[in-house]
Amino acid sequence: MNRSEAFKSADEEHEAFLRAIGELTLAWSDLEVVLYKLLKHYSGVNDAVGRAIFSGTRASTM
């Protein structure tokens, strides 16, 4: 493998890694939205109150 091919391979791997990180970030964000909606629903509070009391709640703290 020459230098040009090595750089091309590294660029392709880097792009695949960035796509995977982006997909993970979006999936984690979706999970936190669902978590918030579930907490709000089962606590019986409206959106403003839910945002106030659940603003620090994250999936990692569960």
C-alpha atoms as a PDB file:
ATOM      1  CA  MET A   1       0.000   0.000   0.000  1.00  0.00           C
ATOM      2  CA  ASN A   2       1.483   3.309  -1.011  1.00  0.00           C
ATOM      3  CA  ARG A   3       1.124   6.571   0.899  1.00  0.00           C
ATOM      4  CA  SER A   4      -1.827   7.793  -1.187  1.00  0.00           C
ATOM      5  CA  GLU A   5      -3.773   4.566  -0.639  1.00  0.00           C
ATOM      6  CA  ALA A   6      -3.012   4.666   3.093  1.00  0.00           C
ATOM      7  CA  PHE A   7      -4.368   8.208   3.383  1.00  0.00           C
ATOM      8  CA  LYS A   8      -7.449   7.287   1.363  1.00  0.00           C
ATOM      9  CA  SER A   9      -8.078   4.271   3.604  1.00  0.00           C
ATOM     10  CA  ALA A  10      -7.605   6.389   6.735  1.00  0.00           C
ATOM     11  CA  ASP A  11     -10.007   9.030   5.389  1.00  0.00           C
ATOM     12  CA  GLU A  12     -12.647   6.384   4.647  1.00  0.00           C
ATOM     13  CA  GLU A  13     -12.273   4.883   8.131  1.00  0.00           C
ATOM     14  CA  HIS A  14     -12.468   8.341   9.694  1.00  0.00           C
ATOM     15  CA  GLU A  15     -15.662   9.162   7.780  1.00  0.00           C
ATOM     16  CA  ALA A  16     -17.225   5.840   8.829  1.00  0.00           C
ATOM     17  CA  PHE A  17     -16.272   6.559  12.441  1.00  0.00           C
ATOM     18  CA  LEU A  18     -17.824  10.036  12.314  1.00  0.00           C
ATOM     19  CA  ARG A  19     -21.042   8.611  10.822  1.00  0.00           C
ATOM     20  CA  ALA A  20     -21.204   5.992  13.585  1.00  0.00           C
ATOM     21  CA  ILE A  21     -20.647   8.620  16.300  1.00  0.00           C
ATOM     22  CA  GLY A  22     -23.366  10.778  14.739  1.00  0.00           C
ATOM     23  CA  GLU A  23     -25.807   7.864  14.647  1.00  0.00           C
ATOM     24  CA  LEU A  24     -25.020   7.025  18.284  1.00  0.00           C
ATOM     25  CA  THR A  25     -25.539  10.649  19.331  1.00  0.00           C
ATOM     26  CA  LEU A  26     -28.898  10.824  17.561  1.00  0.00           C
ATOM     27  CA  ALA A  27     -30.024   7.511  19.064  1.00  0.00           C
ATOM     28  CA  TRP A  28     -29.027   8.637  22.567  1.00  0.00           C
ATOM     29  CA  SER A  29     -30.890  11.912  22.066  1.00  0.00           C
ATOM     30  CA  ASP A  30     -33.996  10.013  20.942  1.00  0.00           C
ATOM     31  CA  LEU A  31     -33.727   7.828  24.041  1.00  0.00           C
ATOM     32  CA  GLU A  32     -33.615  10.866  26.314  1.00  0.00           C
ATOM     33  CA  VAL A  33     -36.672  12.375  24.596  1.00  0.00           C
ATOM     34  CA  VAL A  34     -38.614   9.152  25.177  1.00  0.00           C
ATOM     35  CA  LEU A  35     -37.398   9.037  28.788  1.00  0.00           C
ATOM     36  CA  TYR A  36     -38.603  12.609  29.366  1.00  0.00           C
ATOM     37  CA  LYS A  37     -41.991  11.890  27.786  1.00  0.00           C
ATOM     38  CA  LEU A  38     -42.441   8.761  29.912  1.00  0.00           C
ATOM     39  CA  LEU A  39     -41.496  10.571  33.108  1.00  0.00           C
ATOM     40  CA  LYS A  40     -43.831  13.441  32.274  1.00  0.00           C
ATOM     41  CA  HIS A  41     -46.689  11.120  31.355  1.00  0.00           C
ATOM     42  CA  TYR A  42     -46.493   8.877  34.424  1.00  0.00           C
ATOM     43  CA  SER A  43     -45.971  11.780  36.809  1.00  0.00           C
ATOM     44  CA  GLY A  44     -49.055  13.502  35.390  1.00  0.00           C
ATOM     45  CA  VAL A  45     -47.477  16.942  35.059  1.00  0.00           C
ATOM     46  CA  ASN A  46     -47.709  19.393  32.179  1.00  0.00           C
ATOM     47  CA  ASP A  47     -44.763  20.250  29.936  1.00  0.00           C
ATOM     48  CA  ALA A  48     -43.653  23.368  31.842  1.00  0.00           C
ATOM     49  CA  VAL A  49     -43.600  21.538  35.168  1.00  0.00           C
ATOM     50  CA  GLY A  50     -41.975  18.499  33.584  1.00  0.00           C
ATOM     51  CA  ARG A  51     -39.175  20.636  32.156  1.00  0.00           C
ATOM     52  CA  ALA A  52     -38.615  22.218  35.560  1.00  0.00           C
ATOM     53  CA  ILE A  53     -38.478  19.019  37.578  1.00  0.00           C
ATOM     54  CA  PHE A  54     -36.877  16.683  35.028  1.00  0.00           C
ATOM     55  CA  SER A  55     -34.378  19.119  33.461  1.00  0.00           C
ATOM     56  CA  GLY A  56     -31.396  17.344  35.035  1.00  0.00           C
ATOM     57  CA  THR A  57     -32.604  13.842  34.294  1.00  0.00           C
ATOM     58  CA  ARG A  58     -30.402  11.994  31.842  1.00  0.00           C
ATOM     59  CA  ALA A  59     -30.348   8.374  30.755  1.00  0.00           C
ATOM     60  CA  SER A  60     -26.929   7.939  32.380  1.00  0.00           C
ATOM     61  CA  THR A  61     -28.344   8.874  35.808  1.00  0.00           C
ATOM     62  CA  MET A  62     -31.018   6.186  35.704  1.00  0.00           C
END
